[in-house]
Amino acid sequence: MDNLDKKVVECPVNLAVNLINKKWTIQILRDIFFGKTHFNEFKENKSVSNKVLSECLKEMEENRLIKKITSPDKTNTEYQLTSLGKSMNRVLYELAMFTLNNEISDKYYTEETKNDLKQSFKRTLDIK
């Protein structure tokens, strides 16, 4: 432990949060967990430019959260979770449950919507 006193030690929580703290990263991870895999699907219901989305996807690839799969004829490109990306599922699930099980969600969701969201997020835990 003597060496730890002499070095700056990064908090493991900070290291994990830094992987997902960019504006669209969590939304893209969530989208993939819910079955979206294509660039245009990630843009649905988001006001994100093509350039920003491309940069975010590239950074997520560099951070090994996702991998880009292009068909041999280059007509189809999909994004898939890596094992590291898949391991974020439990983290996102717990964050969602934290929100949905506490009063912070009361001003955003009805009880019925909260229950629907809980079930939807619970189904993502089955992704292998």
Protein backbone atom coordinates (compact mmCIF):
# COMPACT_ATOMS: atom_id res chain seq x y z
CA MET A 1 0.00 0.00 0.00
CA ASP A 2 2.99 2.36 0.36
CA ASN A 3 3.15 2.79 -3.41
CA LEU A 4 -0.54 3.68 -3.52
CA ASP A 5 0.13 6.70 -1.34
CA LYS A 6 2.72 7.93 -3.85
CA LYS A 7 0.61 7.44 -6.97
CA VAL A 8 -2.69 8.82 -8.10
CA VAL A 9 -5.19 5.98 -8.01
CA GLU A 10 -8.20 6.31 -10.27
CA CYS A 11 -11.52 5.32 -8.79
CA PRO A 12 -12.95 2.23 -10.56
CA VAL A 13 -16.39 3.86 -10.66
CA ASN A 14 -14.93 6.86 -12.49
CA LEU A 15 -13.20 4.58 -14.97
CA ALA A 16 -16.49 2.82 -15.75
CA VAL A 17 -18.47 6.06 -15.97
CA ASN A 18 -15.89 7.53 -18.34
CA LEU A 19 -16.70 4.75 -20.81
CA ILE A 20 -20.34 5.82 -21.02
CA ASN A 21 -20.39 9.52 -20.13
CA LYS A 22 -20.61 10.91 -23.66
CA LYS A 23 -23.99 12.34 -24.56
CA TRP A 24 -25.35 9.51 -26.75
CA THR A 25 -23.44 6.47 -25.47
CA ILE A 26 -25.99 5.30 -22.90
CA GLN A 27 -28.86 5.78 -25.34
CA ILE A 28 -27.05 3.75 -28.02
CA LEU A 29 -26.23 0.97 -25.56
CA ARG A 30 -29.87 0.94 -24.46
CA ASP A 31 -31.01 0.85 -28.10
CA ILE A 32 -28.79 -2.16 -28.83
CA PHE A 33 -30.08 -3.96 -25.74
CA PHE A 34 -33.59 -3.35 -27.10
CA GLY A 35 -32.69 -4.78 -30.52
CA LYS A 36 -31.63 -1.84 -32.67
CA THR A 37 -28.43 -2.42 -34.64
CA HIS A 38 -28.36 0.05 -37.54
CA PHE A 39 -27.18 3.65 -37.77
CA ASN A 40 -30.59 5.04 -38.77
CA GLU A 41 -32.29 3.14 -35.95
CA PHE A 42 -30.03 4.89 -33.45
CA LYS A 43 -31.17 8.25 -34.84
CA GLU A 44 -34.87 7.50 -34.25
CA ASN A 45 -36.40 9.88 -31.70
CA LYS A 46 -33.07 11.64 -31.15
CA SER A 47 -31.92 15.03 -32.37
CA VAL A 48 -28.41 13.89 -33.18
CA SER A 49 -26.55 14.74 -36.37
CA ASN A 50 -24.97 12.05 -38.56
CA LYS A 51 -21.52 13.44 -37.74
CA VAL A 52 -22.03 13.33 -33.96
CA LEU A 53 -23.58 9.86 -34.09
CA SER A 54 -20.71 8.59 -36.26
CA GLU A 55 -18.15 10.01 -33.84
CA CYS A 56 -19.95 8.45 -30.88
CA LEU A 57 -20.12 5.03 -32.55
CA LYS A 58 -16.44 5.24 -33.45
CA GLU A 59 -15.51 6.12 -29.87
CA MET A 60 -17.65 3.26 -28.57
CA GLU A 61 -15.75 0.94 -30.93
CA GLU A 62 -12.41 2.32 -29.72
CA ASN A 63 -13.54 1.72 -26.13
CA ARG A 64 -14.49 -1.85 -27.14
CA LEU A 65 -18.16 -1.47 -26.14
CA ILE A 66 -19.42 -2.27 -29.64
CA LYS A 67 -18.12 -3.74 -32.85
CA LYS A 68 -19.05 -2.74 -36.38
CA ILE A 69 -20.05 -5.59 -38.68
CA THR A 70 -20.19 -4.86 -42.42
CA SER A 71 -21.63 -7.38 -44.88
CA PRO A 72 -19.21 -8.72 -47.52
CA ASP A 73 -20.95 -6.70 -50.24
CA LYS A 74 -20.79 -3.60 -47.99
CA THR A 75 -24.53 -2.96 -48.33
CA ASN A 76 -25.37 -3.59 -44.68
CA THR A 77 -23.66 -2.39 -41.52
CA GLU A 78 -24.69 -3.42 -38.04
CA TYR A 79 -23.37 -2.62 -34.61
CA GLN A 80 -23.15 -5.36 -32.01
CA LEU A 81 -22.17 -5.36 -28.38
CA THR A 82 -18.82 -6.79 -27.40
CA SER A 83 -18.50 -8.78 -24.20
CA LEU A 84 -17.51 -5.52 -22.48
CA GLY A 85 -20.60 -3.80 -23.88
CA LYS A 86 -22.82 -6.68 -22.81
CA SER A 87 -21.44 -6.43 -19.31
CA MET A 88 -22.87 -2.89 -19.12
CA ASN A 89 -26.39 -4.33 -19.32
CA ARG A 90 -26.61 -5.05 -15.60
CA VAL A 91 -25.30 -1.56 -14.84
CA LEU A 92 -27.93 0.11 -17.06
CA TYR A 93 -30.62 -2.16 -15.64
CA GLU A 94 -29.71 -1.19 -12.08
CA LEU A 95 -29.65 2.51 -12.98
CA ALA A 96 -33.11 2.17 -14.54
CA MET A 97 -34.44 0.33 -11.47
CA PHE A 98 -32.91 2.95 -9.18
CA THR A 99 -34.85 5.62 -11.05
CA LEU A 100 -38.09 3.69 -11.45
CA ASN A 101 -38.19 2.52 -7.82
CA ASN A 102 -37.66 5.98 -6.33
CA GLU A 103 -39.67 9.16 -6.23
CA ILE A 104 -37.42 10.83 -8.80
CA SER A 105 -39.44 9.06 -11.51
CA ASP A 106 -42.84 10.19 -10.18
CA LYS A 107 -42.91 13.43 -12.13
CA TYR A 108 -42.04 11.66 -15.40
CA TYR A 109 -43.99 8.40 -15.37
CA THR A 110 -47.33 7.00 -14.35
CA GLU A 111 -47.29 3.80 -12.30
CA GLU A 112 -48.40 1.87 -15.38
CA THR A 113 -45.53 3.29 -17.44
CA LYS A 114 -43.05 2.54 -14.66
CA ASN A 115 -44.22 -1.07 -14.56
CA ASP A 116 -43.97 -1.36 -18.36
CA LEU A 117 -40.45 0.07 -18.29
CA LYS A 118 -39.41 -2.28 -15.50
CA GLN A 119 -40.61 -5.26 -17.54
CA SER A 120 -38.88 -4.00 -20.70
CA PHE A 121 -35.57 -3.52 -18.93
CA LYS A 122 -35.91 -6.86 -17.20
CA ARG A 123 -36.24 -8.58 -20.59
CA THR A 124 -32.90 -7.12 -21.67
CA LEU A 125 -31.18 -9.14 -18.96
CA ASP A 126 -31.81 -12.25 -21.05
CA ILE A 127 -29.48 -11.01 -23.80
CA LYS A 128 -26.46 -13.25 -24.08
